[in-house]
Amino acid sequence: MEQRAKIAPDAVHHPLFARFYARFSELADRRGDVAAYRRDLLAGLSGRVIEIGAGTGLNFPHYPAAVAEVVAIEPERALRMHAVRAALRADVPVDVVPGAAEALPVKSEAFDAAVVSLVLCSVRDVPRSLAEIRRVLRPGGELRFFEHGLAEGRVASAVQRAADRTLWPLLFGGCHTARDPLVAIEAAGFALVEFQRLRLPARGPWHPASPCVLGTARRPDPD
């Protein structure tokens, strides 16, 4: 029997941020090119997929028909209720369940692919979360990621670190802007397949969460 640490499914509770995020994320999808990036993120997926930090379910309409099932994990209660409603409108079967990235409530090697979308910035423990994702993926399974993170320039990254030490995490539901998702994904034992760097919004003012990466990594097959 697998022994894993237990985390309360509603341990994440940001009701004011959840209300803001539900409105802002829909606006960003419509006007900020985010919906197109979501389609790119999910293109070509098939089989069983686990999505960690599903938010309000904005990815759900973009899953291709070859996906047999999506298990969508969302720890924040208010966001999860939005996701449940979005799941009812999805073209593929979506099961929205409570849970935390650091202790996924699913069996090992049960999924063909995992999806993280603007979530690694706010998990409490990035290495532990990625270790859990690796655990639940079958060998050779894909990790699809669309994350904001550490800027390449010295000045921009210094601004991000200053934001993370002050008000940014408090205002934005525990978000940290200076984490480096590519470094973290490789450190967790995934092999990067491809990625591209993006800026959100593509047009308009820069902010600490503007630098993004979109790509694919793979859990290596055992030797």
Protein backbone atom coordinates (compact mmCIF):
# COMPACT_ATOMS: atom_id res chain seq x y z
CA MET A 1 0.00 0.00 0.00
CA GLU A 2 1.33 3.43 -0.93
CA GLN A 3 2.18 5.71 1.99
CA ARG A 4 1.75 9.39 1.18
CA ALA A 5 1.42 12.47 3.33
CA LYS A 6 -2.11 13.74 3.71
CA ILE A 7 -3.02 17.35 3.03
CA ALA A 8 -6.49 18.69 3.71
CA PRO A 9 -8.30 19.19 0.39
CA ASP A 10 -9.38 22.71 1.37
CA ALA A 11 -6.02 23.70 2.90
CA VAL A 12 -5.85 26.42 0.23
CA HIS A 13 -8.42 29.06 1.01
CA HIS A 14 -8.25 32.44 -0.71
CA PRO A 15 -11.89 33.54 -1.16
CA LEU A 16 -11.16 37.16 -2.12
CA PHE A 17 -8.41 36.19 -4.54
CA ALA A 18 -10.60 33.42 -5.98
CA ARG A 19 -13.31 35.95 -6.78
CA PHE A 20 -10.79 38.25 -8.47
CA TYR A 21 -9.07 35.40 -10.32
CA ALA A 22 -12.34 34.02 -11.69
CA ARG A 23 -13.06 37.34 -13.37
CA PHE A 24 -9.53 38.28 -14.37
CA SER A 25 -8.64 34.91 -15.90
CA GLU A 26 -11.68 34.94 -18.19
CA LEU A 27 -10.78 38.45 -19.33
CA ALA A 28 -7.17 37.39 -19.96
CA ASP A 29 -8.38 34.46 -22.06
CA ARG A 30 -10.54 36.70 -24.23
CA ARG A 31 -8.23 39.68 -24.63
CA GLY A 32 -4.74 38.54 -23.75
CA ASP A 33 -4.14 35.61 -26.13
CA VAL A 34 -4.19 33.16 -23.20
CA ALA A 35 -6.90 30.97 -24.75
CA ALA A 36 -4.65 30.35 -27.77
CA TYR A 37 -1.81 29.29 -25.47
CA ARG A 38 -4.18 26.90 -23.67
CA ARG A 39 -5.01 25.26 -27.01
CA ASP A 40 -1.31 24.88 -27.80
CA LEU A 41 -0.68 23.48 -24.32
CA LEU A 42 -3.22 20.68 -24.75
CA ALA A 43 -2.91 19.91 -28.47
CA GLY A 44 -2.30 16.25 -29.25
CA LEU A 45 -3.08 14.86 -25.81
CA SER A 46 -4.82 11.50 -25.51
CA GLY A 47 -5.73 8.89 -22.92
CA ARG A 48 -6.08 9.72 -19.21
CA VAL A 49 -4.93 13.18 -18.12
CA ILE A 50 -4.54 14.73 -14.70
CA GLU A 51 -4.68 18.51 -14.43
CA ILE A 52 -3.23 20.01 -11.27
CA GLY A 53 -4.60 23.35 -10.10
CA ALA A 54 -7.49 23.49 -12.55
CA GLY A 55 -8.72 26.86 -11.28
CA THR A 56 -12.07 27.73 -12.85
CA GLY A 57 -11.72 25.12 -15.59
CA LEU A 58 -10.65 27.39 -18.43
CA ASN A 59 -8.57 24.59 -19.95
CA PHE A 60 -11.51 22.20 -20.20
CA PRO A 61 -12.92 23.42 -23.57
CA HIS A 62 -9.53 22.93 -25.21
CA TYR A 63 -8.94 19.24 -24.47
CA PRO A 64 -8.91 17.24 -27.74
CA ALA A 65 -11.45 14.47 -28.35
CA ALA A 66 -8.75 11.78 -28.02
CA VAL A 67 -8.60 12.45 -24.26
CA ALA A 68 -10.58 9.70 -22.54
CA GLU A 69 -10.77 11.32 -19.10
CA VAL A 70 -9.50 14.37 -17.23
CA VAL A 71 -9.09 14.25 -13.47
CA ALA A 72 -8.91 17.91 -12.44
CA ILE A 73 -7.43 18.69 -9.03
CA GLU A 74 -8.34 22.02 -7.41
CA PRO A 75 -7.76 22.74 -3.71
CA GLU A 76 -9.53 26.12 -3.47
CA ARG A 77 -13.22 25.61 -2.78
CA ALA A 78 -14.62 28.64 -4.62
CA LEU A 79 -12.51 27.98 -7.72
CA ARG A 80 -13.46 24.32 -7.60
CA MET A 81 -17.15 25.20 -7.78
CA HIS A 82 -16.47 27.18 -10.97
CA ALA A 83 -14.52 24.21 -12.35
CA VAL A 84 -17.39 21.81 -11.63
CA ARG A 85 -19.73 23.96 -13.70
CA ALA A 86 -17.16 24.18 -16.51
CA ALA A 87 -16.77 20.38 -16.46
CA LEU A 88 -20.46 19.96 -17.23
CA ARG A 89 -19.95 21.91 -20.46
CA ALA A 90 -16.77 20.13 -21.54
CA ASP A 91 -16.65 17.88 -24.61
CA VAL A 92 -14.55 15.27 -22.79
CA PRO A 93 -15.26 13.61 -19.42
CA VAL A 94 -13.89 15.79 -16.60
CA ASP A 95 -13.96 14.79 -12.93
CA VAL A 96 -13.20 17.74 -10.61
CA VAL A 97 -11.92 16.66 -7.20
CA PRO A 98 -10.37 18.37 -4.16
CA GLY A 99 -6.73 17.80 -3.49
CA ALA A 100 -3.33 19.44 -3.23
CA ALA A 101 -0.41 19.20 -5.63
CA GLU A 102 1.85 18.00 -2.83
CA ALA A 103 -0.32 14.92 -2.14
CA LEU A 104 -2.33 13.98 -5.22
CA PRO A 105 -5.28 11.71 -4.32
CA VAL A 106 -4.70 9.25 -7.18
CA LYS A 107 -2.77 6.05 -7.81
CA SER A 108 0.78 5.88 -9.09
CA GLU A 109 1.45 5.60 -12.84
CA ALA A 110 -2.25 6.04 -13.58
CA PHE A 111 -2.06 8.81 -16.21
CA ASP A 112 -0.73 9.27 -19.71
CA ALA A 113 -0.21 13.01 -19.26
CA ALA A 114 -0.24 15.71 -16.60
CA VAL A 115 -1.03 19.39 -17.08
CA VAL A 116 0.08 22.35 -14.98
CA SER A 117 -1.16 25.75 -16.05
CA LEU A 118 -0.15 28.85 -14.06
CA VAL A 119 0.01 26.79 -10.87
CA LEU A 120 3.64 26.07 -9.94
CA CYS A 121 3.97 29.72 -8.92
CA SER A 122 1.60 29.20 -6.00
CA VAL A 123 2.09 25.66 -4.69
CA ARG A 124 3.62 25.50 -1.23
CA ASP A 125 6.37 23.02 -2.17
CA VAL A 126 7.47 22.90 -5.81
CA PRO A 127 9.84 19.86 -5.59
CA ARG A 128 7.27 17.84 -3.69
CA SER A 129 4.52 18.78 -6.14
CA LEU A 130 6.61 17.77 -9.14
CA ALA A 131 7.61 14.54 -7.42
CA GLU A 132 3.91 13.75 -7.03
CA ILE A 133 3.28 14.51 -10.70
CA ARG A 134 6.12 12.19 -11.67
CA ARG A 135 4.67 9.49 -9.39
CA VAL A 136 1.22 9.54 -11.01
CA LEU A 137 2.52 9.57 -14.60
CA ARG A 138 3.23 6.33 -16.38
CA PRO A 139 6.83 5.92 -17.60
CA GLY A 140 7.14 7.92 -20.80
CA GLY A 141 4.14 10.07 -19.87
CA GLU A 142 4.11 13.76 -20.72
CA LEU A 143 4.06 16.80 -18.49
CA ARG A 144 2.54 19.76 -20.31
CA PHE A 145 3.31 23.11 -18.67
CA PHE A 146 2.28 26.73 -19.17
CA GLU A 147 3.83 28.71 -16.33
CA HIS A 148 5.08 32.15 -15.54
CA GLY A 149 8.45 32.41 -13.87
CA LEU A 150 11.86 33.95 -13.49
CA ALA A 151 12.76 36.65 -16.03
CA GLU A 152 16.00 36.36 -17.97
CA GLY A 153 17.20 39.94 -17.40
CA ARG A 154 18.99 40.95 -14.19
CA VAL A 155 16.85 44.02 -13.53
CA ALA A 156 13.54 42.26 -14.25
CA SER A 157 14.44 39.28 -12.06
CA ALA A 158 15.44 41.64 -9.23
CA VAL A 159 12.03 43.30 -9.49
CA GLN A 160 10.40 39.86 -9.27
CA ARG A 161 12.36 38.88 -6.16
CA ALA A 162 11.47 42.17 -4.51
CA ALA A 163 7.81 41.59 -5.33
CA ASP A 164 7.96 38.07 -3.85
CA ARG A 165 9.45 39.41 -0.60
CA THR A 166 6.73 42.02 -0.16
CA LEU A 167 3.07 42.21 -1.14
CA TRP A 168 2.78 40.08 -4.28
CA PRO A 169 2.10 36.69 -2.60
CA LEU A 170 -0.36 38.29 -0.19
CA LEU A 171 -2.29 40.03 -2.95
CA PHE A 172 -2.28 37.16 -5.45
CA GLY A 173 -3.14 34.02 -3.53
CA GLY A 174 0.38 32.88 -2.65
CA CYS A 175 1.81 33.47 -6.15
CA HIS A 176 5.60 33.82 -6.47
CA THR A 177 6.99 35.41 -9.61
CA ALA A 178 10.70 34.51 -9.34
CA ARG A 179 10.41 30.73 -9.39
CA ASP A 180 12.08 29.00 -12.34
CA PRO A 181 9.77 26.26 -13.65
CA LEU A 182 12.26 24.89 -16.17
CA VAL A 183 14.95 24.36 -13.55
CA ALA A 184 12.43 22.83 -11.15
CA ILE A 185 11.02 20.45 -13.77
CA GLU A 186 14.48 19.16 -14.72
CA ALA A 187 15.50 18.87 -11.07
CA ALA A 188 12.45 16.66 -10.49
CA GLY A 189 13.78 14.14 -13.01
CA PHE A 190 11.79 15.11 -16.08
CA ALA A 191 13.40 15.41 -19.51
CA LEU A 192 12.54 18.64 -21.29
CA VAL A 193 11.24 17.91 -24.79
CA GLU A 194 10.50 21.41 -26.06
CA PHE A 195 9.54 24.82 -24.75
CA GLN A 196 9.09 28.40 -25.82
CA ARG A 197 9.35 31.62 -23.85
CA LEU A 198 6.38 33.98 -23.94
CA ARG A 199 5.41 37.36 -22.59
CA LEU A 200 1.98 38.08 -21.15
CA PRO A 201 0.42 40.25 -22.24
CA ALA A 202 2.14 40.11 -25.61
CA ARG A 203 1.28 43.79 -26.00
CA GLY A 204 1.09 46.24 -23.14
CA PRO A 205 3.02 46.93 -19.94
CA TRP A 206 5.41 44.42 -18.40
CA HIS A 207 4.67 43.18 -14.87
CA PRO A 208 6.40 40.61 -12.60
CA ALA A 209 4.25 37.74 -13.89
CA SER A 210 4.79 38.56 -17.58
CA PRO A 211 7.63 36.10 -18.41
CA CYS A 212 6.15 32.68 -19.23
CA VAL A 213 7.20 29.32 -20.63
CA LEU A 214 5.03 26.87 -22.56
CA GLY A 215 6.27 23.38 -23.27
CA THR A 216 6.47 19.64 -22.78
CA ALA A 217 8.58 17.41 -20.55
CA ARG A 218 8.57 13.67 -20.24
CA ARG A 219 8.93 11.18 -17.42
CA PRO A 220 11.80 8.99 -18.63
CA ASP A 221 11.26 5.30 -19.21
CA PRO A 222 13.06 3.14 -16.65
CA ASP A 223 16.45 1.86 -17.71
